Amino acid sequence: VQLVESGGGATYVGGSLTLSCRAYGFTFGTHVAGWFRQGPGKAREGITSLSEMTGHTFQSYANSIKGRFHVSTDDAQTTMYLHMTKLKPEDAGEYFCAAIDQNLFDGQWPDPSSGLVSWGKGTLVTVSQ
């Protein structure tokens, strides 16, 4: 199981970016997926989760990004996207995608040290005034 993020870069306040997370060895149809971010000097925080079980899609968003960010996958469910709009300086940071087998997800993301979650290496987003 491997996750590879891409699409990070530099933009200005109010700008937009779309991040991608490519899955290898599994599809997002069998895993709960999420985007996390870590700003300078801050702890890693979860900002969105996505579950696409057959016939049902569940999405959740942190209050800080609601209405500005949207998560989706491609038809093959091998790539997850994070569409970010109206970016703010506080959105800057390293963005990580994560995935956990749906059978192991109880509604809360496990501690990263649990070994249950697969992580990408991150992609950097900078937002300038």
Protein backbone atom coordinates (compact mmCIF):
# COMPACT_ATOMS: atom_id res chain seq x y z
CA VAL A 1 0.00 0.00 0.00
CA GLN A 2 1.47 3.31 -1.09
CA LEU A 3 0.15 6.85 -1.36
CA VAL A 4 1.81 9.58 -3.40
CA GLU A 5 0.71 13.21 -3.20
CA SER A 6 1.28 15.87 -5.83
CA GLY A 7 -0.01 19.28 -6.83
CA GLY A 8 1.37 21.41 -4.05
CA GLY A 9 2.90 24.76 -4.85
CA ALA A 10 2.81 28.46 -4.25
CA THR A 11 -0.22 30.65 -4.65
CA TYR A 12 -1.64 33.89 -3.33
CA VAL A 13 -4.42 34.63 -0.89
CA GLY A 14 -7.71 33.90 -2.60
CA GLY A 15 -6.09 31.53 -5.05
CA SER A 16 -6.84 27.89 -5.80
CA LEU A 17 -4.89 24.64 -5.94
CA THR A 18 -5.84 21.02 -6.51
CA LEU A 19 -3.87 18.33 -4.75
CA SER A 20 -3.78 14.72 -5.93
CA CYS A 21 -3.19 11.53 -4.00
CA ARG A 22 -2.48 8.42 -6.06
CA ALA A 23 -3.06 5.05 -4.40
CA TYR A 24 -0.99 2.00 -5.25
CA GLY A 25 -1.94 -1.49 -4.11
CA PHE A 26 -5.55 -0.67 -3.22
CA THR A 27 -8.47 1.54 -4.22
CA PHE A 28 -10.34 4.17 -2.28
CA GLY A 29 -13.46 2.03 -2.63
CA THR A 30 -12.19 -0.26 0.13
CA HIS A 31 -10.54 2.31 2.36
CA VAL A 32 -11.51 5.42 4.25
CA ALA A 33 -9.30 8.22 2.97
CA GLY A 34 -8.44 11.61 4.32
CA TRP A 35 -6.37 14.71 3.93
CA PHE A 36 -4.31 16.05 6.80
CA ARG A 37 -2.16 19.13 6.99
CA GLN A 38 0.60 20.46 9.19
CA GLY A 39 1.35 24.16 9.28
CA PRO A 40 4.65 25.62 10.48
CA GLY A 41 5.00 24.97 14.20
CA LYS A 42 1.61 23.28 14.36
CA ALA A 43 0.41 19.75 14.98
CA ARG A 44 -0.88 17.64 12.12
CA GLU A 45 -4.65 18.06 11.78
CA GLY A 46 -7.23 16.14 9.85
CA ILE A 47 -9.23 18.33 7.49
CA THR A 48 -11.36 15.95 5.47
CA SER A 49 -12.39 12.31 5.30
CA LEU A 50 -13.94 10.38 2.45
CA SER A 51 -15.60 6.99 2.37
CA GLU A 52 -16.98 5.57 -0.87
CA MET A 53 -18.67 2.29 -0.10
CA THR A 54 -20.81 0.83 -2.86
CA GLY A 55 -23.71 3.18 -3.47
CA HIS A 56 -22.85 5.51 -0.63
CA THR A 57 -20.41 8.38 -0.30
CA PHE A 58 -19.57 9.99 3.01
CA GLN A 59 -17.54 13.16 3.32
CA SER A 60 -16.61 15.27 6.30
CA TYR A 61 -14.80 18.58 6.48
CA ALA A 62 -13.16 20.55 9.26
CA ASN A 63 -14.90 23.83 10.00
CA SER A 64 -11.79 25.73 8.90
CA ILE A 65 -12.18 24.56 5.30
CA LYS A 66 -15.92 24.04 4.87
CA GLY A 67 -17.24 25.72 1.77
CA ARG A 68 -13.74 26.27 0.37
CA PHE A 69 -12.29 22.78 -0.07
CA HIS A 70 -13.84 19.75 -1.76
CA VAL A 71 -12.63 16.15 -1.88
CA SER A 72 -13.30 13.74 -4.72
CA THR A 73 -11.93 10.64 -6.43
CA ASP A 74 -11.61 9.57 -10.04
CA ASP A 75 -13.87 6.88 -11.51
CA ALA A 76 -11.24 4.20 -10.92
CA GLN A 77 -11.01 5.25 -7.25
CA THR A 78 -7.23 5.21 -7.45
CA THR A 79 -6.71 8.96 -7.22
CA MET A 80 -8.16 11.28 -4.61
CA TYR A 81 -8.24 15.02 -5.12
CA LEU A 82 -8.43 17.96 -2.78
CA HIS A 83 -9.81 20.99 -4.59
CA MET A 84 -8.83 24.07 -2.59
CA THR A 85 -10.28 27.51 -3.27
CA LYS A 86 -10.22 30.91 -1.55
CA LEU A 87 -6.93 30.01 0.07
CA LYS A 88 -5.85 31.83 3.20
CA PRO A 89 -2.40 32.26 4.75
CA GLU A 90 -3.38 29.79 7.47
CA ASP A 91 -3.94 27.10 4.82
CA ALA A 92 -0.20 26.96 4.17
CA GLY A 93 1.63 23.83 5.21
CA GLU A 94 2.47 20.28 4.31
CA TYR A 95 -0.54 18.30 3.10
CA PHE A 96 -0.69 14.54 3.57
CA CYS A 97 -3.16 11.99 2.34
CA ALA A 98 -3.98 8.96 4.44
CA ALA A 99 -5.96 5.76 4.10
CA ILE A 100 -7.19 3.05 6.39
CA ASP A 101 -9.05 -0.17 5.63
CA GLN A 102 -12.76 0.50 6.10
CA ASN A 103 -13.05 -2.52 8.40
CA LEU A 104 -10.55 -0.92 10.79
CA PHE A 105 -12.16 2.53 10.89
CA ASP A 106 -14.49 3.21 13.83
CA GLY A 107 -15.23 6.83 13.04
CA GLN A 108 -12.00 8.25 14.42
CA TRP A 109 -8.60 8.25 12.77
CA PRO A 110 -6.20 6.11 14.82
CA ASP A 111 -3.02 7.53 16.21
CA PRO A 112 -0.36 7.56 13.47
CA SER A 113 1.83 5.33 15.64
CA SER A 114 -0.79 2.56 15.49
CA GLY A 115 0.47 1.40 12.14
CA LEU A 116 -3.09 1.06 10.88
CA VAL A 117 -2.96 4.13 8.65
CA SER A 118 -1.02 4.44 5.42
CA TRP A 119 0.45 7.89 4.79
CA GLY A 120 1.86 9.72 1.83
CA LYS A 121 5.04 11.76 2.19
CA GLY A 122 3.29 15.06 1.73
CA THR A 123 3.16 17.98 -0.65
CA LEU A 124 3.85 21.58 0.34
CA VAL A 125 1.40 24.43 -0.09
CA THR A 126 2.46 28.03 0.40
CA VAL A 127 0.05 30.96 0.40
CA SER A 128 1.42 34.48 0.09
CA GLN A 129 -0.23 37.85 0.62
